[in-house]
PDB file of all heavy atoms in Angstrom:
ATOM      1  N   THR A   1       8.234  -9.475  -1.748  1.00  0.00           N
ATOM      2  CA  THR A   1       9.459  -8.913  -1.110  1.00  0.00           C
ATOM      3  C   THR A   1       9.210  -7.461  -0.676  1.00  0.00           C
ATOM      4  O   THR A   1       8.321  -6.788  -1.223  1.00  0.00           O
ATOM      5  CB  THR A   1      10.655  -8.931  -2.113  1.00  0.00           C
ATOM      6  OG1 THR A   1      10.389  -8.039  -3.181  1.00  0.00           O
ATOM      7  CG2 THR A   1      10.890 -10.334  -2.614  1.00  0.00           C
ATOM      8  N   GLU A   2      10.047  -6.989   0.221  1.00  0.00           N
ATOM      9  CA  GLU A   2       9.973  -5.602   0.625  1.00  0.00           C
ATOM     10  C   GLU A   2      10.194  -4.627  -0.525  1.00  0.00           C
ATOM     11  O   GLU A   2       9.587  -3.603  -0.656  1.00  0.00           O
ATOM     12  CB  GLU A   2      10.998  -5.280   1.807  1.00  0.00           C
ATOM     13  CG  GLU A   2      10.671  -6.048   3.046  1.00  0.00           C
ATOM     14  CD  GLU A   2       9.418  -5.614   3.766  1.00  0.00           C
ATOM     15  OE1 GLU A   2       8.977  -4.478   3.611  1.00  0.00           O
ATOM     16  OE2 GLU A   2       8.907  -6.365   4.593  1.00  0.00           O
ATOM     17  N   GLU A   3      11.132  -5.041  -1.469  1.00  0.00           N
ATOM     18  CA  GLU A   3      11.395  -4.198  -2.639  1.00  0.00           C
ATOM     19  C   GLU A   3      10.221  -4.083  -3.514  1.00  0.00           C
ATOM     20  O   GLU A   3       9.907  -3.002  -4.015  1.00  0.00           O
ATOM     21  CB  GLU A   3      12.574  -4.816  -3.400  1.00  0.00           C
ATOM     22  CG  GLU A   3      13.965  -4.744  -2.709  1.00  0.00           C
ATOM     23  CD  GLU A   3      14.096  -5.839  -1.587  1.00  0.00           C
ATOM     24  OE1 GLU A   3      13.414  -6.819  -1.676  1.00  0.00           O
ATOM     25  OE2 GLU A   3      14.904  -5.633  -0.700  1.00  0.00           O
ATOM     26  N   GLU A   4       9.482  -5.213  -3.703  1.00  0.00           N
ATOM     27  CA  GLU A   4       8.216  -5.129  -4.469  1.00  0.00           C
ATOM     28  C   GLU A   4       7.176  -4.258  -3.786  1.00  0.00           C
ATOM     29  O   GLU A   4       6.469  -3.547  -4.494  1.00  0.00           O
ATOM     30  CB  GLU A   4       7.663  -6.527  -4.713  1.00  0.00           C
ATOM     31  CG  GLU A   4       8.517  -7.354  -5.649  1.00  0.00           C
ATOM     32  CD  GLU A   4       8.091  -8.851  -5.751  1.00  0.00           C
ATOM     33  OE1 GLU A   4       7.458  -9.326  -4.798  1.00  0.00           O
ATOM     34  OE2 GLU A   4       8.420  -9.468  -6.740  1.00  0.00           O
ATOM     35  N   ALA A   5       7.098  -4.336  -2.486  1.00  0.00           N
ATOM     36  CA  ALA A   5       6.173  -3.559  -1.720  1.00  0.00           C
ATOM     37  C   ALA A   5       6.434  -2.067  -1.939  1.00  0.00           C
ATOM     38  O   ALA A   5       5.453  -1.316  -2.220  1.00  0.00           O
ATOM     39  CB  ALA A   5       6.268  -3.893  -0.206  1.00  0.00           C
ATOM     40  N   ILE A   6       7.657  -1.676  -1.927  1.00  0.00           N
ATOM     41  CA  ILE A   6       7.987  -0.254  -2.178  1.00  0.00           C
ATOM     42  C   ILE A   6       7.668   0.135  -3.645  1.00  0.00           C
ATOM     43  O   ILE A   6       7.009   1.157  -3.906  1.00  0.00           O
ATOM     44  CB  ILE A   6       9.488   0.020  -1.894  1.00  0.00           C
ATOM     45  CG1 ILE A   6       9.639  -0.121  -0.316  1.00  0.00           C
ATOM     46  CG2 ILE A   6       9.881   1.395  -2.307  1.00  0.00           C
ATOM     47  CD1 ILE A   6      11.098  -0.216   0.093  1.00  0.00           C
ATOM     48  N   ARG A   7       8.150  -0.686  -4.556  1.00  0.00           N
ATOM     49  CA  ARG A   7       7.912  -0.394  -5.961  1.00  0.00           C
ATOM     50  C   ARG A   7       6.472  -0.279  -6.351  1.00  0.00           C
ATOM     51  O   ARG A   7       6.057   0.548  -7.161  1.00  0.00           O
ATOM     52  CB  ARG A   7       8.642  -1.464  -6.849  1.00  0.00           C
ATOM     53  CG  ARG A   7       8.546  -1.162  -8.353  1.00  0.00           C
ATOM     54  CD  ARG A   7       9.389  -2.095  -9.151  1.00  0.00           C
ATOM     55  NE  ARG A   7       9.069  -3.521  -9.068  1.00  0.00           N
ATOM     56  CZ  ARG A   7       9.883  -4.479  -8.468  1.00  0.00           C
ATOM     57  NH1 ARG A   7      11.005  -4.080  -7.983  1.00  0.00           N
ATOM     58  NH2 ARG A   7       9.457  -5.701  -8.370  1.00  0.00           N
ATOM     59  N   HIS A   8       5.546  -1.118  -5.756  1.00  0.00           N
ATOM     60  CA  HIS A   8       4.160  -1.098  -6.127  1.00  0.00           C
ATOM     61  C   HIS A   8       3.264  -0.315  -5.175  1.00  0.00           C
ATOM     62  O   HIS A   8       2.063  -0.390  -5.265  1.00  0.00           O
ATOM     63  CB  HIS A   8       3.711  -2.562  -6.215  1.00  0.00           C
ATOM     64  CG  HIS A   8       4.256  -3.292  -7.366  1.00  0.00           C
ATOM     65  ND1 HIS A   8       3.870  -3.077  -8.679  1.00  0.00           N
ATOM     66  CD2 HIS A   8       5.166  -4.259  -7.408  1.00  0.00           C
ATOM     67  CE1 HIS A   8       4.529  -3.863  -9.486  1.00  0.00           C
ATOM     68  NE2 HIS A   8       5.383  -4.614  -8.718  1.00  0.00           N
ATOM     69  N   GLN A   9       3.863   0.418  -4.260  1.00  0.00           N
ATOM     70  CA  GLN A   9       3.105   1.254  -3.260  1.00  0.00           C
ATOM     71  C   GLN A   9       2.083   0.368  -2.492  1.00  0.00           C
ATOM     72  O   GLN A   9       0.867   0.636  -2.407  1.00  0.00           O
ATOM     73  CB  GLN A   9       2.357   2.394  -3.978  1.00  0.00           C
ATOM     74  CG  GLN A   9       3.304   3.297  -4.662  1.00  0.00           C
ATOM     75  CD  GLN A   9       2.601   4.450  -5.394  1.00  0.00           C
ATOM     76  OE1 GLN A   9       1.428   4.475  -5.506  1.00  0.00           O
ATOM     77  NE2 GLN A   9       3.407   5.390  -5.903  1.00  0.00           N
ATOM     78  N   PHE A  10       2.638  -0.683  -1.846  1.00  0.00           N
ATOM     79  CA  PHE A  10       1.863  -1.716  -1.182  1.00  0.00           C
ATOM     80  C   PHE A  10       1.749  -1.389   0.297  1.00  0.00           C
ATOM     81  O   PHE A  10       2.742  -1.372   1.007  1.00  0.00           O
ATOM     82  CB  PHE A  10       2.598  -3.077  -1.366  1.00  0.00           C
ATOM     83  CG  PHE A  10       1.911  -4.254  -0.790  1.00  0.00           C
ATOM     84  CD1 PHE A  10       0.766  -4.717  -1.318  1.00  0.00           C
ATOM     85  CD2 PHE A  10       2.476  -4.933   0.302  1.00  0.00           C
ATOM     86  CE1 PHE A  10       0.149  -5.867  -0.784  1.00  0.00           C
ATOM     87  CE2 PHE A  10       1.904  -6.011   0.849  1.00  0.00           C
ATOM     88  CZ  PHE A  10       0.716  -6.505   0.298  1.00  0.00           C
ATOM     89  N   HIS A  11       0.507  -1.106   0.714  1.00  0.00           N
ATOM     90  CA  HIS A  11       0.188  -0.764   2.152  1.00  0.00           C
ATOM     91  C   HIS A  11      -0.168  -1.924   2.967  1.00  0.00           C
ATOM     92  O   HIS A  11      -0.555  -1.743   4.115  1.00  0.00           O
ATOM     93  CB  HIS A  11      -0.868   0.303   2.153  1.00  0.00           C
ATOM     94  CG  HIS A  11      -0.509   1.570   1.490  1.00  0.00           C
ATOM     95  ND1 HIS A  11       0.413   2.478   2.058  1.00  0.00           N
ATOM     96  CD2 HIS A  11      -0.881   2.120   0.317  1.00  0.00           C
ATOM     97  CE1 HIS A  11       0.533   3.489   1.264  1.00  0.00           C
ATOM     98  NE2 HIS A  11      -0.234   3.318   0.230  1.00  0.00           N
ATOM     99  N   GLY A  12      -0.098  -3.090   2.409  1.00  0.00           N
ATOM    100  CA  GLY A  12      -0.528  -4.292   3.152  1.00  0.00           C
ATOM    101  C   GLY A  12      -1.453  -5.097   2.319  1.00  0.00           C
ATOM    102  O   GLY A  12      -2.041  -4.675   1.352  1.00  0.00           O
ATOM    103  N   SER A  13      -1.630  -6.350   2.719  1.00  0.00           N
ATOM    104  CA  SER A  13      -2.404  -7.299   1.915  1.00  0.00           C
ATOM    105  C   SER A  13      -3.824  -7.449   2.396  1.00  0.00           C
ATOM    106  O   SER A  13      -4.028  -7.704   3.605  1.00  0.00           O
ATOM    107  CB  SER A  13      -1.727  -8.684   1.933  1.00  0.00           C
ATOM    108  OG  SER A  13      -2.290  -9.546   1.045  1.00  0.00           O
ATOM    109  N   PRO A  14      -4.760  -7.210   1.469  1.00  0.00           N
ATOM    110  CA  PRO A  14      -4.646  -6.773   0.098  1.00  0.00           C
ATOM    111  C   PRO A  14      -4.684  -5.257  -0.054  1.00  0.00           C
ATOM    112  O   PRO A  14      -5.309  -4.548   0.780  1.00  0.00           O
ATOM    113  CB  PRO A  14      -5.871  -7.421  -0.534  1.00  0.00           C
ATOM    114  CG  PRO A  14      -6.915  -7.458   0.504  1.00  0.00           C
ATOM    115  CD  PRO A  14      -6.142  -7.591   1.814  1.00  0.00           C
ATOM    116  N   THR A  15      -4.133  -4.724  -1.099  1.00  0.00           N
ATOM    117  CA  THR A  15      -4.182  -3.306  -1.439  1.00  0.00           C
ATOM    118  C   THR A  15      -4.840  -3.202  -2.798  1.00  0.00           C
ATOM    119  O   THR A  15      -4.490  -3.904  -3.710  1.00  0.00           O
ATOM    120  CB  THR A  15      -2.742  -2.716  -1.472  1.00  0.00           C
ATOM    121  OG1 THR A  15      -2.249  -2.615  -0.126  1.00  0.00           O
ATOM    122  CG2 THR A  15      -2.737  -1.311  -2.099  1.00  0.00           C
ATOM    123  N   ILE A  16      -5.715  -2.202  -2.943  1.00  0.00           N
ATOM    124  CA  ILE A  16      -6.382  -1.905  -4.157  1.00  0.00           C
ATOM    125  C   ILE A  16      -6.021  -0.485  -4.577  1.00  0.00           C
ATOM    126  O   ILE A  16      -6.231   0.445  -3.767  1.00  0.00           O
ATOM    127  CB  ILE A  16      -7.880  -2.089  -4.108  1.00  0.00           C
ATOM    128  CG1 ILE A  16      -8.208  -3.549  -3.706  1.00  0.00           C
ATOM    129  CG2 ILE A  16      -8.559  -1.694  -5.410  1.00  0.00           C
ATOM    130  CD1 ILE A  16      -9.674  -3.749  -3.408  1.00  0.00           C
ATOM    131  N   LEU A  17      -5.507  -0.327  -5.779  1.00  0.00           N
ATOM    132  CA  LEU A  17      -5.173   1.016  -6.296  1.00  0.00           C
ATOM    133  C   LEU A  17      -6.042   1.305  -7.526  1.00  0.00           C
ATOM    134  O   LEU A  17      -6.199   0.475  -8.404  1.00  0.00           O
ATOM    135  CB  LEU A  17      -3.679   1.039  -6.765  1.00  0.00           C
ATOM    136  CG  LEU A  17      -2.612   0.636  -5.687  1.00  0.00           C
ATOM    137  CD1 LEU A  17      -1.227   0.661  -6.366  1.00  0.00           C
ATOM    138  CD2 LEU A  17      -2.670   1.624  -4.477  1.00  0.00           C
ATOM    139  N   VAL A  18      -6.659   2.485  -7.510  1.00  0.00           N
ATOM    140  CA  VAL A  18      -7.430   2.901  -8.636  1.00  0.00           C
ATOM    141  C   VAL A  18      -6.706   4.091  -9.306  1.00  0.00           C
ATOM    142  O   VAL A  18      -6.443   5.109  -8.692  1.00  0.00           O
ATOM    143  CB  VAL A  18      -8.820   3.425  -8.190  1.00  0.00           C
ATOM    144  CG1 VAL A  18      -9.624   3.984  -9.377  1.00  0.00           C
ATOM    145  CG2 VAL A  18      -9.630   2.293  -7.503  1.00  0.00           C
ATOM    146  N   ASP A  19      -6.198   3.815 -10.488  1.00  0.00           N
ATOM    147  CA  ASP A  19      -5.339   4.737 -11.194  1.00  0.00           C
ATOM    148  C   ASP A  19      -4.139   5.150 -10.364  1.00  0.00           C
ATOM    149  O   ASP A  19      -3.776   6.305 -10.260  1.00  0.00           O
ATOM    150  CB  ASP A  19      -6.102   5.970 -11.709  1.00  0.00           C
ATOM    151  CG  ASP A  19      -6.853   5.636 -13.054  1.00  0.00           C
ATOM    152  OD1 ASP A  19      -6.578   4.565 -13.629  1.00  0.00           O
ATOM    153  OD2 ASP A  19      -7.621   6.481 -13.448  1.00  0.00           O
ATOM    154  N   GLY A  20      -3.572   4.195  -9.642  1.00  0.00           N
ATOM    155  CA  GLY A  20      -2.405   4.415  -8.856  1.00  0.00           C
ATOM    156  C   GLY A  20      -2.668   5.029  -7.438  1.00  0.00           C
ATOM    157  O   GLY A  20      -1.736   5.304  -6.723  1.00  0.00           O
ATOM    158  N   VAL A  21      -3.953   5.265  -7.102  1.00  0.00           N
ATOM    159  CA  VAL A  21      -4.263   5.860  -5.803  1.00  0.00           C
ATOM    160  C   VAL A  21      -4.917   4.790  -4.942  1.00  0.00           C
ATOM    161  O   VAL A  21      -5.837   4.116  -5.341  1.00  0.00           O
ATOM    162  CB  VAL A  21      -5.256   7.048  -6.015  1.00  0.00           C
ATOM    163  CG1 VAL A  21      -5.606   7.657  -4.638  1.00  0.00           C
ATOM    164  CG2 VAL A  21      -4.628   8.076  -6.907  1.00  0.00           C
ATOM    165  N   ASP A  22      -4.409   4.673  -3.694  1.00  0.00           N
ATOM    166  CA  ASP A  22      -4.966   3.714  -2.747  1.00  0.00           C
ATOM    167  C   ASP A  22      -6.437   4.097  -2.414  1.00  0.00           C
ATOM    168  O   ASP A  22      -6.795   5.255  -2.366  1.00  0.00           O
ATOM    169  CB  ASP A  22      -4.107   3.774  -1.449  1.00  0.00           C
ATOM    170  CG  ASP A  22      -4.490   2.595  -0.480  1.00  0.00           C
ATOM    171  OD1 ASP A  22      -3.903   1.550  -0.612  1.00  0.00           O
ATOM    172  OD2 ASP A  22      -5.382   2.867   0.316  1.00  0.00           O
ATOM    173  N   LEU A  23      -7.204   3.031  -2.185  1.00  0.00           N
ATOM    174  CA  LEU A  23      -8.640   3.273  -1.783  1.00  0.00           C
ATOM    175  C   LEU A  23      -8.825   4.221  -0.656  1.00  0.00           C
ATOM    176  O   LEU A  23      -9.752   5.019  -0.595  1.00  0.00           O
ATOM    177  CB  LEU A  23      -9.326   1.938  -1.367  1.00  0.00           C
ATOM    178  CG  LEU A  23      -9.525   0.896  -2.406  1.00  0.00           C
ATOM    179  CD1 LEU A  23     -10.281  -0.333  -1.789  1.00  0.00           C
ATOM    180  CD2 LEU A  23     -10.370   1.411  -3.599  1.00  0.00           C
ATOM    181  N   GLU A  24      -7.890   4.222   0.324  1.00  0.00           N
ATOM    182  CA  GLU A  24      -8.012   5.088   1.515  1.00  0.00           C
ATOM    183  C   GLU A  24      -7.313   6.415   1.298  1.00  0.00           C
ATOM    184  O   GLU A  24      -7.258   7.188   2.186  1.00  0.00           O
ATOM    185  CB  GLU A  24      -7.497   4.384   2.749  1.00  0.00           C
ATOM    186  CG  GLU A  24      -8.343   3.186   3.084  1.00  0.00           C
ATOM    187  CD  GLU A  24      -7.974   2.495   4.418  1.00  0.00           C
ATOM    188  OE1 GLU A  24      -6.787   2.164   4.562  1.00  0.00           O
ATOM    189  OE2 GLU A  24      -8.867   2.364   5.269  1.00  0.00           O
ATOM    190  N   GLY A  25      -6.869   6.668   0.074  1.00  0.00           N
ATOM    191  CA  GLY A  25      -6.342   7.975  -0.271  1.00  0.00           C
ATOM    192  C   GLY A  25      -4.851   8.107   0.025  1.00  0.00           C
ATOM    193  O   GLY A  25      -4.202   7.168   0.511  1.00  0.00           O
ATOM    194  N   ALA A  26      -4.317   9.282  -0.284  1.00  0.00           N
ATOM    195  CA  ALA A  26      -2.875   9.535  -0.147  1.00  0.00           C
ATOM    196  C   ALA A  26      -2.412   9.589   1.277  1.00  0.00           C
ATOM    197  O   ALA A  26      -1.234   9.335   1.590  1.00  0.00           O
ATOM    198  CB  ALA A  26      -2.572  10.841  -0.827  1.00  0.00           C
ATOM    199  N   SER A  27      -3.286   9.836   2.238  1.00  0.00           N
ATOM    200  CA  SER A  27      -2.868   9.975   3.688  1.00  0.00           C
ATOM    201  C   SER A  27      -2.307   8.623   4.168  1.00  0.00           C
ATOM    202  O   SER A  27      -1.554   8.628   5.099  1.00  0.00           O
ATOM    203  CB  SER A  27      -4.037  10.435   4.506  1.00  0.00           C
ATOM    204  OG  SER A  27      -5.077   9.473   4.496  1.00  0.00           O
ATOM    205  N   ILE A  28      -2.703   7.518   3.596  1.00  0.00           N
ATOM    206  CA  ILE A  28      -2.234   6.244   4.078  1.00  0.00           C
ATOM    207  C   ILE A  28      -0.712   6.062   3.837  1.00  0.00           C
ATOM    208  O   ILE A  28      -0.106   5.265   4.511  1.00  0.00           O
ATOM    209  CB  ILE A  28      -3.026   5.084   3.471  1.00  0.00           C
ATOM    210  CG1 ILE A  28      -2.651   3.748   4.098  1.00  0.00           C
ATOM    211  CG2 ILE A  28      -2.769   4.908   1.981  1.00  0.00           C
ATOM    212  CD1 ILE A  28      -3.799   2.914   4.523  1.00  0.00           C
ATOM    213  N   ALA A  29      -0.130   6.849   2.897  1.00  0.00           N
ATOM    214  CA  ALA A  29       1.264   6.707   2.595  1.00  0.00           C
ATOM    215  C   ALA A  29       2.169   6.955   3.774  1.00  0.00           C
ATOM    216  O   ALA A  29       3.273   6.505   3.845  1.00  0.00           O
ATOM    217  CB  ALA A  29       1.586   7.633   1.440  1.00  0.00           C
ATOM    218  N   ARG A  30       1.651   7.685   4.782  1.00  0.00           N
ATOM    219  CA  ARG A  30       2.545   7.959   5.927  1.00  0.00           C
ATOM    220  C   ARG A  30       2.946   6.705   6.712  1.00  0.00           C
ATOM    221  O   ARG A  30       3.878   6.695   7.399  1.00  0.00           O
ATOM    222  CB  ARG A  30       1.833   8.939   6.862  1.00  0.00           C
ATOM    223  CG  ARG A  30       0.602   8.340   7.490  1.00  0.00           C
ATOM    224  CD  ARG A  30      -0.187   9.325   8.261  1.00  0.00           C
ATOM    225  NE  ARG A  30      -1.469   8.685   8.405  1.00  0.00           N
ATOM    226  CZ  ARG A  30      -2.488   9.178   8.915  1.00  0.00           C
ATOM    227  NH1 ARG A  30      -2.456  10.373   9.494  1.00  0.00           N
ATOM    228  NH2 ARG A  30      -3.621   8.546   8.967  1.00  0.00           N
ATOM    229  N   GLU A  31       2.190   5.608   6.528  1.00  0.00           N
ATOM    230  CA  GLU A  31       2.501   4.363   7.185  1.00  0.00           C
ATOM    231  C   GLU A  31       3.584   3.600   6.402  1.00  0.00           C
ATOM    232  O   GLU A  31       4.077   2.581   6.921  1.00  0.00           O
ATOM    233  CB  GLU A  31       1.270   3.493   7.392  1.00  0.00           C
ATOM    234  CG  GLU A  31       0.236   4.140   8.293  1.00  0.00           C
ATOM    235  CD  GLU A  31      -0.945   3.280   8.515  1.00  0.00           C
ATOM    236  OE1 GLU A  31      -0.879   2.041   8.284  1.00  0.00           O
ATOM    237  OE2 GLU A  31      -1.986   3.802   8.868  1.00  0.00           O
ATOM    238  N   GLY A  32       3.861   3.958   5.213  1.00  0.00           N
ATOM    239  CA  GLY A  32       4.949   3.333   4.445  1.00  0.00           C
ATOM    240  C   GLY A  32       4.467   2.086   3.744  1.00  0.00           C
ATOM    241  O   GLY A  32       3.349   1.643   3.863  1.00  0.00           O
ATOM    242  N   TYR A  33       5.392   1.578   2.937  1.00  0.00           N
ATOM    243  CA  TYR A  33       5.127   0.389   2.124  1.00  0.00           C
ATOM    244  C   TYR A  33       5.991  -0.750   2.688  1.00  0.00           C
ATOM    245  O   TYR A  33       7.171  -0.642   2.771  1.00  0.00           O
ATOM    246  CB  TYR A  33       5.529   0.641   0.690  1.00  0.00           C
ATOM    247  CG  TYR A  33       4.986   1.912   0.070  1.00  0.00           C
ATOM    248  CD1 TYR A  33       5.783   2.922  -0.456  1.00  0.00           C
ATOM    249  CD2 TYR A  33       3.570   2.113   0.048  1.00  0.00           C
ATOM    250  CE1 TYR A  33       5.223   4.044  -0.997  1.00  0.00           C
ATOM    251  CE2 TYR A  33       3.045   3.273  -0.499  1.00  0.00           C
ATOM    252  CZ  TYR A  33       3.841   4.220  -0.993  1.00  0.00           C
ATOM    253  OH  TYR A  33       3.344   5.410  -1.530  1.00  0.00           O
ATOM    254  N   ARG A  34       5.284  -1.852   3.021  1.00  0.00           N
ATOM    255  CA  ARG A  34       6.025  -3.076   3.486  1.00  0.00           C
ATOM    256  C   ARG A  34       5.058  -4.246   3.484  1.00  0.00           C
ATOM    257  O   ARG A  34       3.841  -4.113   3.360  1.00  0.00           O
ATOM    258  CB  ARG A  34       6.554  -2.805   4.884  1.00  0.00           C
ATOM    259  CG  ARG A  34       5.573  -2.515   5.966  1.00  0.00           C
ATOM    260  CD  ARG A  34       6.328  -2.316   7.246  1.00  0.00           C
ATOM    261  NE  ARG A  34       5.454  -2.431   8.370  1.00  0.00           N
ATOM    262  CZ  ARG A  34       4.937  -1.382   9.040  1.00  0.00           C
ATOM    263  NH1 ARG A  34       5.230  -0.198   8.682  1.00  0.00           N
ATOM    264  NH2 ARG A  34       4.073  -1.605  10.021  1.00  0.00           N
ATOM    265  N   LEU A  35       5.700  -5.399   3.643  1.00  0.00           N
ATOM    266  CA  LEU A  35       4.930  -6.658   3.721  1.00  0.00           C
ATOM    267  C   LEU A  35       4.197  -6.726   5.097  1.00  0.00           C
ATOM    268  O   LEU A  35       4.865  -6.660   6.130  1.00  0.00           O
ATOM    269  CB  LEU A  35       5.869  -7.895   3.574  1.00  0.00           C
ATOM    270  CG  LEU A  35       6.500  -8.042   2.174  1.00  0.00           C
ATOM    271  CD1 LEU A  35       7.427  -9.240   2.209  1.00  0.00           C
ATOM    272  CD2 LEU A  35       5.513  -8.225   1.125  1.00  0.00           C
ATOM    273  N   ARG A  36       2.900  -6.820   5.036  1.00  0.00           N
ATOM    274  CA  ARG A  36       2.107  -6.934   6.268  1.00  0.00           C
ATOM    275  C   ARG A  36       0.659  -7.131   5.865  1.00  0.00           C
ATOM    276  O   ARG A  36       0.282  -6.971   4.737  1.00  0.00           O
ATOM    277  CB  ARG A  36       2.216  -5.660   7.142  1.00  0.00           C
ATOM    278  CG  ARG A  36       1.652  -4.465   6.437  1.00  0.00           C
ATOM    279  CD  ARG A  36       1.611  -3.251   7.215  1.00  0.00           C
ATOM    280  NE  ARG A  36       1.273  -2.094   6.449  1.00  0.00           N
ATOM    281  CZ  ARG A  36       1.711  -0.899   6.568  1.00  0.00           C
ATOM    282  NH1 ARG A  36       2.567  -0.620   7.547  1.00  0.00           N
ATOM    283  NH2 ARG A  36       1.349   0.094   5.781  1.00  0.00           N
ATOM    284  N   CYS A  37      -0.141  -7.512   6.841  1.00  0.00           N
ATOM    285  CA  CYS A  37      -1.613  -7.623   6.655  1.00  0.00           C
ATOM    286  C   CYS A  37      -2.191  -6.234   6.642  1.00  0.00           C
ATOM    287  O   CYS A  37      -1.707  -5.320   7.303  1.00  0.00           O
ATOM    288  CB  CYS A  37      -2.208  -8.451   7.708  1.00  0.00           C
ATOM    289  SG  CYS A  37      -1.743 -10.177   7.677  1.00  0.00           S
ATOM    290  N   ARG A  38      -3.252  -6.058   5.885  1.00  0.00           N
ATOM    291  CA  ARG A  38      -3.907  -4.795   5.766  1.00  0.00           C
ATOM    292  C   ARG A  38      -5.147  -4.754   6.700  1.00  0.00           C
ATOM    293  O   ARG A  38      -5.901  -5.752   6.769  1.00  0.00           O
ATOM    294  CB  ARG A  38      -4.352  -4.571   4.341  1.00  0.00           C
ATOM    295  CG  ARG A  38      -5.133  -3.311   4.018  1.00  0.00           C
ATOM    296  CD  ARG A  38      -4.258  -2.159   3.882  1.00  0.00           C
ATOM    297  NE  ARG A  38      -4.980  -0.908   3.624  1.00  0.00           N
ATOM    298  CZ  ARG A  38      -4.915  -0.235   2.469  1.00  0.00           C
ATOM    299  NH1 ARG A  38      -4.123  -0.671   1.482  1.00  0.00           N
ATOM    300  NH2 ARG A  38      -5.567   0.899   2.328  1.00  0.00           N
ATOM    301  N   VAL A  39      -5.395  -3.655   7.360  1.00  0.00           N
ATOM    302  CA  VAL A  39      -6.588  -3.420   8.134  1.00  0.00           C
ATOM    303  C   VAL A  39      -7.226  -2.133   7.591  1.00  0.00           C
ATOM    304  O   VAL A  39      -6.555  -1.088   7.644  1.00  0.00           O
ATOM    305  CB  VAL A  39      -6.313  -3.325   9.629  1.00  0.00           C
ATOM    306  CG1 VAL A  39      -7.596  -2.920  10.383  1.00  0.00           C
ATOM    307  CG2 VAL A  39      -5.724  -4.570  10.157  1.00  0.00           C
ATOM    308  N   TYR A  40      -8.440  -2.234   6.985  1.00  0.00           N
ATOM    309  CA  TYR A  40      -9.082  -1.032   6.450  1.00  0.00           C
ATOM    310  C   TYR A  40      -9.888  -0.294   7.553  1.00  0.00           C
ATOM    311  O   TYR A  40     -10.531  -0.964   8.379  1.00  0.00           O
ATOM    312  CB  TYR A  40     -10.047  -1.512   5.352  1.00  0.00           C
ATOM    313  CG  TYR A  40      -9.319  -1.815   4.050  1.00  0.00           C
ATOM    314  CD1 TYR A  40      -8.881  -3.099   3.761  1.00  0.00           C
ATOM    315  CD2 TYR A  40      -8.990  -0.792   3.121  1.00  0.00           C
ATOM    316  CE1 TYR A  40      -8.171  -3.398   2.631  1.00  0.00           C
ATOM    317  CE2 TYR A  40      -8.272  -1.110   1.968  1.00  0.00           C
ATOM    318  CZ  TYR A  40      -7.915  -2.332   1.720  1.00  0.00           C
ATOM    319  OH  TYR A  40      -7.195  -2.700   0.585  1.00  0.00           O
TER     320      TYR A  40
END
């Protein structure tokens, strides 16, 4: 759900967080959290 995406800082599928930080760093947060496919 969109609510889960926001709660878990989900940038798209799949997302990997290391100690709560996205692999691509904090700058990815500007795209927001939502249900979508991920492109690295």
